[in-house]
Amino acid sequence: MLSHRFAELVKRYIAGANQPAEATSGLSAADLDAHPVAGTWSIRQIVLHLMDSDLIASDRMKRVIAESRPPMLIGYDETAFAGRLYGSHLDAAVACEIFRLNRVLTGEILRRLEDDAFARTGEHNESGTVTLEYLVETYTNHVAHHLKFVREKRRLLGKPLG
């Protein structure tokens, strides 16, 4: 059973599952693809980035949990992903649902761990040695980091969240 500290971390991680969908509710395709701040990602690109990064994070976490010091937690070029994979053709709602389901399922794995699992490590090719705790904390905070940009873009579009 997890200590209070790790149980709260996992609870915060899982609580992020619905946040992308909530942050994009009521937006049209034009809203999702707008660039109210020149030179930045659209809301659709942010949502798709969150989905991609969470899928990658889940893979990293699972490797750290299941393998003995996995040597190759590979970084990726998020700008290349945003520029070459998204366009305006991928469905943001589908991305939000994939994000939600992945977050819930990964959260179920995390909830079943013992505290010592959060000290397990893997080798990231850019960041060096990382712990499971670091990965969970990083990706828990990653959602909030990007959703502040979604909220600002909504405000600029005249469609703030209620």
C-alpha atoms as a PDB file:
ATOM      1  CA  MET A   1       0.000   0.000   0.000  1.00  0.00           C
ATOM      2  CA  LEU A   2       1.267   3.449  -0.910  1.00  0.00           C
ATOM      3  CA  SER A   3       2.248   5.963   1.721  1.00  0.00           C
ATOM      4  CA  HIS A   4       0.256   9.191   1.839  1.00  0.00           C
ATOM      5  CA  ARG A   5       2.987  11.011  -0.090  1.00  0.00           C
ATOM      6  CA  PHE A   6       2.915   8.698  -3.109  1.00  0.00           C
ATOM      7  CA  ALA A   7      -0.825   8.127  -2.942  1.00  0.00           C
ATOM      8  CA  GLU A   8      -1.316  11.902  -3.250  1.00  0.00           C
ATOM      9  CA  LEU A   9       1.115  12.093  -6.173  1.00  0.00           C
ATOM     10  CA  VAL A  10      -0.729   9.318  -8.015  1.00  0.00           C
ATOM     11  CA  LYS A  11      -4.067  10.935  -7.189  1.00  0.00           C
ATOM     12  CA  ARG A  12      -2.866  14.225  -8.741  1.00  0.00           C
ATOM     13  CA  TYR A  13      -1.568  12.327 -11.782  1.00  0.00           C
ATOM     14  CA  ILE A  14      -4.926  10.607 -12.334  1.00  0.00           C
ATOM     15  CA  ALA A  15      -6.838  13.844 -11.673  1.00  0.00           C
ATOM     16  CA  GLY A  16      -5.257  15.275 -14.814  1.00  0.00           C
ATOM     17  CA  ALA A  17      -7.022  12.709 -17.003  1.00  0.00           C
ATOM     18  CA  ASN A  18     -10.021  14.887 -17.853  1.00  0.00           C
ATOM     19  CA  GLN A  19      -8.272  18.245 -17.931  1.00  0.00           C
ATOM     20  CA  PRO A  20      -7.491  18.462 -21.679  1.00  0.00           C
ATOM     21  CA  ALA A  21     -11.097  17.616 -22.598  1.00  0.00           C
ATOM     22  CA  GLU A  22     -12.431  20.118 -20.072  1.00  0.00           C
ATOM     23  CA  ALA A  23     -10.047  22.805 -21.326  1.00  0.00           C
ATOM     24  CA  THR A  24     -11.202  22.393 -24.929  1.00  0.00           C
ATOM     25  CA  SER A  25     -14.918  21.961 -24.367  1.00  0.00           C
ATOM     26  CA  GLY A  26     -17.119  24.133 -26.519  1.00  0.00           C
ATOM     27  CA  LEU A  27     -14.408  25.093 -28.988  1.00  0.00           C
ATOM     28  CA  SER A  28     -14.965  24.897 -32.736  1.00  0.00           C
ATOM     29  CA  ALA A  29     -12.428  23.530 -35.220  1.00  0.00           C
ATOM     30  CA  ALA A  30     -11.532  27.122 -36.086  1.00  0.00           C
ATOM     31  CA  ASP A  31     -10.938  27.898 -32.399  1.00  0.00           C
ATOM     32  CA  LEU A  32      -8.751  24.807 -32.022  1.00  0.00           C
ATOM     33  CA  ASP A  33      -6.643  25.821 -35.025  1.00  0.00           C
ATOM     34  CA  ALA A  34      -6.424  29.553 -34.293  1.00  0.00           C
ATOM     35  CA  HIS A  35      -3.120  31.193 -33.441  1.00  0.00           C
ATOM     36  CA  PRO A  36      -4.119  34.141 -31.239  1.00  0.00           C
ATOM     37  CA  VAL A  37      -0.472  34.384 -30.193  1.00  0.00           C
ATOM     38  CA  ALA A  38       1.671  34.411 -33.330  1.00  0.00           C
ATOM     39  CA  GLY A  39       4.445  31.851 -33.487  1.00  0.00           C
ATOM     40  CA  THR A  40       2.935  29.525 -30.861  1.00  0.00           C
ATOM     41  CA  TRP A  41       1.099  26.237 -31.110  1.00  0.00           C
ATOM     42  CA  SER A  42      -2.629  26.145 -31.673  1.00  0.00           C
ATOM     43  CA  ILE A  43      -4.871  24.635 -29.005  1.00  0.00           C
ATOM     44  CA  ARG A  44      -5.200  21.521 -31.200  1.00  0.00           C
ATOM     45  CA  GLN A  45      -1.406  21.194 -31.324  1.00  0.00           C
ATOM     46  CA  ILE A  46      -1.171  21.582 -27.554  1.00  0.00           C
ATOM     47  CA  VAL A  47      -3.770  18.853 -26.991  1.00  0.00           C
ATOM     48  CA  LEU A  48      -2.057  16.512 -29.426  1.00  0.00           C
ATOM     49  CA  HIS A  49       1.285  17.265 -27.778  1.00  0.00           C
ATOM     50  CA  LEU A  50      -0.195  16.389 -24.391  1.00  0.00           C
ATOM     51  CA  MET A  51      -1.477  13.095 -25.787  1.00  0.00           C
ATOM     52  CA  ASP A  52       1.853  12.226 -27.416  1.00  0.00           C
ATOM     53  CA  SER A  53       3.920  13.179 -24.394  1.00  0.00           C
ATOM     54  CA  ASP A  54       1.655  11.256 -22.032  1.00  0.00           C
ATOM     55  CA  LEU A  55       1.855   8.132 -24.181  1.00  0.00           C
ATOM     56  CA  ILE A  56       5.639   8.447 -24.224  1.00  0.00           C
ATOM     57  CA  ALA A  57       5.689   9.118 -20.472  1.00  0.00           C
ATOM     58  CA  SER A  58       3.541   6.072 -19.799  1.00  0.00           C
ATOM     59  CA  ASP A  59       5.967   3.924 -21.777  1.00  0.00           C
ATOM     60  CA  ARG A  60       8.884   5.345 -19.797  1.00  0.00           C
ATOM     61  CA  MET A  61       7.139   4.748 -16.465  1.00  0.00           C
ATOM     62  CA  LYS A  62       6.207   1.183 -17.388  1.00  0.00           C
ATOM     63  CA  ARG A  63       9.786   0.438 -18.426  1.00  0.00           C
ATOM     64  CA  VAL A  64      11.141   1.804 -15.138  1.00  0.00           C
ATOM     65  CA  ILE A  65       8.586  -0.267 -13.191  1.00  0.00           C
ATOM     66  CA  ALA A  66       9.020  -3.513 -15.129  1.00  0.00           C
ATOM     67  CA  GLU A  67      12.667  -3.530 -16.198  1.00  0.00           C
ATOM     68  CA  SER A  68      15.903  -3.334 -14.264  1.00  0.00           C
ATOM     69  CA  ARG A  69      17.327   0.152 -14.888  1.00  0.00           C
ATOM     70  CA  PRO A  70      16.188   0.424 -18.512  1.00  0.00           C
ATOM     71  CA  PRO A  71      19.054   2.016 -20.437  1.00  0.00           C
ATOM     72  CA  MET A  72      17.155   3.760 -23.217  1.00  0.00           C
ATOM     73  CA  LEU A  73      14.389   6.150 -22.229  1.00  0.00           C
ATOM     74  CA  ILE A  74      14.531   8.134 -25.448  1.00  0.00           C
ATOM     75  CA  GLY A  75      13.767  11.839 -25.731  1.00  0.00           C
ATOM     76  CA  TYR A  76      11.871  13.175 -28.710  1.00  0.00           C
ATOM     77  CA  ASP A  77      11.639  16.404 -30.675  1.00  0.00           C
ATOM     78  CA  GLU A  78       8.268  17.840 -29.662  1.00  0.00           C
ATOM     79  CA  THR A  79       8.561  20.634 -32.229  1.00  0.00           C
ATOM     80  CA  ALA A  80       9.027  18.090 -35.023  1.00  0.00           C
ATOM     81  CA  PHE A  81       6.034  16.122 -33.741  1.00  0.00           C
ATOM     82  CA  ALA A  82       3.919  19.286 -33.672  1.00  0.00           C
ATOM     83  CA  GLY A  83       5.050  20.357 -37.115  1.00  0.00           C
ATOM     84  CA  ARG A  84       4.929  17.065 -38.942  1.00  0.00           C
ATOM     85  CA  LEU A  85       2.191  14.987 -37.329  1.00  0.00           C
ATOM     86  CA  TYR A  86      -0.753  17.160 -36.390  1.00  0.00           C
ATOM     87  CA  GLY A  87      -1.896  19.576 -39.028  1.00  0.00           C
ATOM     88  CA  SER A  88      -5.563  20.326 -38.680  1.00  0.00           C
ATOM     89  CA  HIS A  89      -6.627  16.795 -39.546  1.00  0.00           C
ATOM     90  CA  LEU A  90      -6.409  14.952 -36.243  1.00  0.00           C
ATOM     91  CA  ASP A  91      -9.405  15.019 -33.962  1.00  0.00           C
ATOM     92  CA  ALA A  92      -8.652  16.870 -30.722  1.00  0.00           C
ATOM     93  CA  ALA A  93     -11.549  15.129 -28.949  1.00  0.00           C
ATOM     94  CA  VAL A  94     -10.096  11.726 -29.835  1.00  0.00           C
ATOM     95  CA  ALA A  95      -6.694  12.870 -28.565  1.00  0.00           C
ATOM     96  CA  CYS A  96      -8.317  14.007 -25.301  1.00  0.00           C
ATOM     97  CA  GLU A  97     -10.002  10.610 -24.913  1.00  0.00           C
ATOM     98  CA  ILE A  98      -6.778   8.712 -25.619  1.00  0.00           C
ATOM     99  CA  PHE A  99      -5.029  10.946 -23.083  1.00  0.00           C
ATOM    100  CA  ARG A 100      -7.791  10.267 -20.526  1.00  0.00           C
ATOM    101  CA  LEU A 101      -7.779   6.501 -20.986  1.00  0.00           C
ATOM    102  CA  ASN A 102      -3.987   6.259 -20.935  1.00  0.00           C
ATOM    103  CA  ARG A 103      -3.805   8.408 -17.806  1.00  0.00           C
ATOM    104  CA  VAL A 104      -6.447   6.330 -16.008  1.00  0.00           C
ATOM    105  CA  LEU A 105      -4.857   3.008 -16.961  1.00  0.00           C
ATOM    106  CA  THR A 106      -1.323   4.122 -16.098  1.00  0.00           C
ATOM    107  CA  GLY A 107      -2.678   5.556 -12.852  1.00  0.00           C
ATOM    108  CA  GLU A 108      -4.119   2.150 -11.979  1.00  0.00           C
ATOM    109  CA  ILE A 109      -0.672   0.626 -12.361  1.00  0.00           C
ATOM    110  CA  LEU A 110       0.877   3.360 -10.206  1.00  0.00           C
ATOM    111  CA  ARG A 111      -1.775   2.946  -7.483  1.00  0.00           C
ATOM    112  CA  ARG A 112      -0.865  -0.724  -7.073  1.00  0.00           C
ATOM    113  CA  LEU A 113       2.848  -0.145  -6.482  1.00  0.00           C
ATOM    114  CA  GLU A 114       4.759  -0.146  -3.223  1.00  0.00           C
ATOM    115  CA  ASP A 115       6.626   3.014  -2.201  1.00  0.00           C
ATOM    116  CA  ASP A 116      10.026   1.593  -3.116  1.00  0.00           C
ATOM    117  CA  ALA A 117       8.971   1.368  -6.782  1.00  0.00           C
ATOM    118  CA  PHE A 118       9.070   5.178  -6.983  1.00  0.00           C
ATOM    119  CA  ALA A 119      12.831   5.058  -6.368  1.00  0.00           C
ATOM    120  CA  ARG A 120      13.394   2.738  -9.357  1.00  0.00           C
ATOM    121  CA  THR A 121      15.447   4.361 -12.106  1.00  0.00           C
ATOM    122  CA  GLY A 122      16.014   4.383 -15.818  1.00  0.00           C
ATOM    123  CA  GLU A 123      18.504   6.160 -18.062  1.00  0.00           C
ATOM    124  CA  HIS A 124      17.130   8.953 -20.201  1.00  0.00           C
ATOM    125  CA  ASN A 125      19.347   9.792 -23.164  1.00  0.00           C
ATOM    126  CA  GLU A 126      19.038  13.557 -22.458  1.00  0.00           C
ATOM    127  CA  SER A 127      18.301  13.819 -18.721  1.00  0.00           C
ATOM    128  CA  GLY A 128      20.464  11.040 -17.354  1.00  0.00           C
ATOM    129  CA  THR A 129      19.232   8.909 -14.456  1.00  0.00           C
ATOM    130  CA  VAL A 130      15.571   9.505 -13.650  1.00  0.00           C
ATOM    131  CA  THR A 131      13.368   7.948 -10.989  1.00  0.00           C
ATOM    132  CA  LEU A 132       9.781   6.842 -11.363  1.00  0.00           C
ATOM    133  CA  GLU A 133       8.848   9.532  -8.839  1.00  0.00           C
ATOM    134  CA  TYR A 134      10.489  12.159 -11.054  1.00  0.00           C
ATOM    135  CA  LEU A 135       8.619  10.914 -14.120  1.00  0.00           C
ATOM    136  CA  VAL A 136       5.231  10.904 -12.393  1.00  0.00           C
ATOM    137  CA  GLU A 137       5.810  14.360 -10.900  1.00  0.00           C
ATOM    138  CA  THR A 138       7.079  15.775 -14.198  1.00  0.00           C
ATOM    139  CA  TYR A 139       4.113  14.556 -16.226  1.00  0.00           C
ATOM    140  CA  THR A 140       1.626  15.516 -13.541  1.00  0.00           C
ATOM    141  CA  ASN A 141       2.923  19.089 -13.785  1.00  0.00           C
ATOM    142  CA  HIS A 142       3.248  18.959 -17.573  1.00  0.00           C
ATOM    143  CA  VAL A 143      -0.530  19.121 -18.067  1.00  0.00           C
ATOM    144  CA  ALA A 144      -0.944  22.234 -15.926  1.00  0.00           C
ATOM    145  CA  HIS A 145       1.987  23.878 -17.686  1.00  0.00           C
ATOM    146  CA  HIS A 146       0.372  23.529 -21.107  1.00  0.00           C
ATOM    147  CA  LEU A 147      -3.212  24.134 -20.065  1.00  0.00           C
ATOM    148  CA  LYS A 148      -2.326  27.620 -18.851  1.00  0.00           C
ATOM    149  CA  PHE A 149      -1.548  28.387 -22.507  1.00  0.00           C
ATOM    150  CA  VAL A 150      -4.879  26.905 -23.601  1.00  0.00           C
ATOM    151  CA  ARG A 151      -6.692  29.102 -21.075  1.00  0.00           C
ATOM    152  CA  GLU A 152      -4.871  32.192 -22.339  1.00  0.00           C
ATOM    153  CA  LYS A 153      -5.652  31.349 -25.968  1.00  0.00           C
ATOM    154  CA  ARG A 154      -9.299  30.835 -25.054  1.00  0.00           C
ATOM    155  CA  ARG A 155      -9.315  34.226 -23.356  1.00  0.00           C
ATOM    156  CA  LEU A 156      -7.814  35.869 -26.425  1.00  0.00           C
ATOM    157  CA  LEU A 157     -10.420  34.150 -28.609  1.00  0.00           C
ATOM    158  CA  GLY A 158     -13.191  35.507 -26.363  1.00  0.00           C
ATOM    159  CA  LYS A 159     -14.039  31.985 -25.131  1.00  0.00           C
ATOM    160  CA  PRO A 160     -12.745  31.780 -21.563  1.00  0.00           C
ATOM    161  CA  LEU A 161     -13.562  28.778 -19.435  1.00  0.00           C
ATOM    162  CA  GLY A 162     -16.393  29.367 -16.974  1.00  0.00           C
END
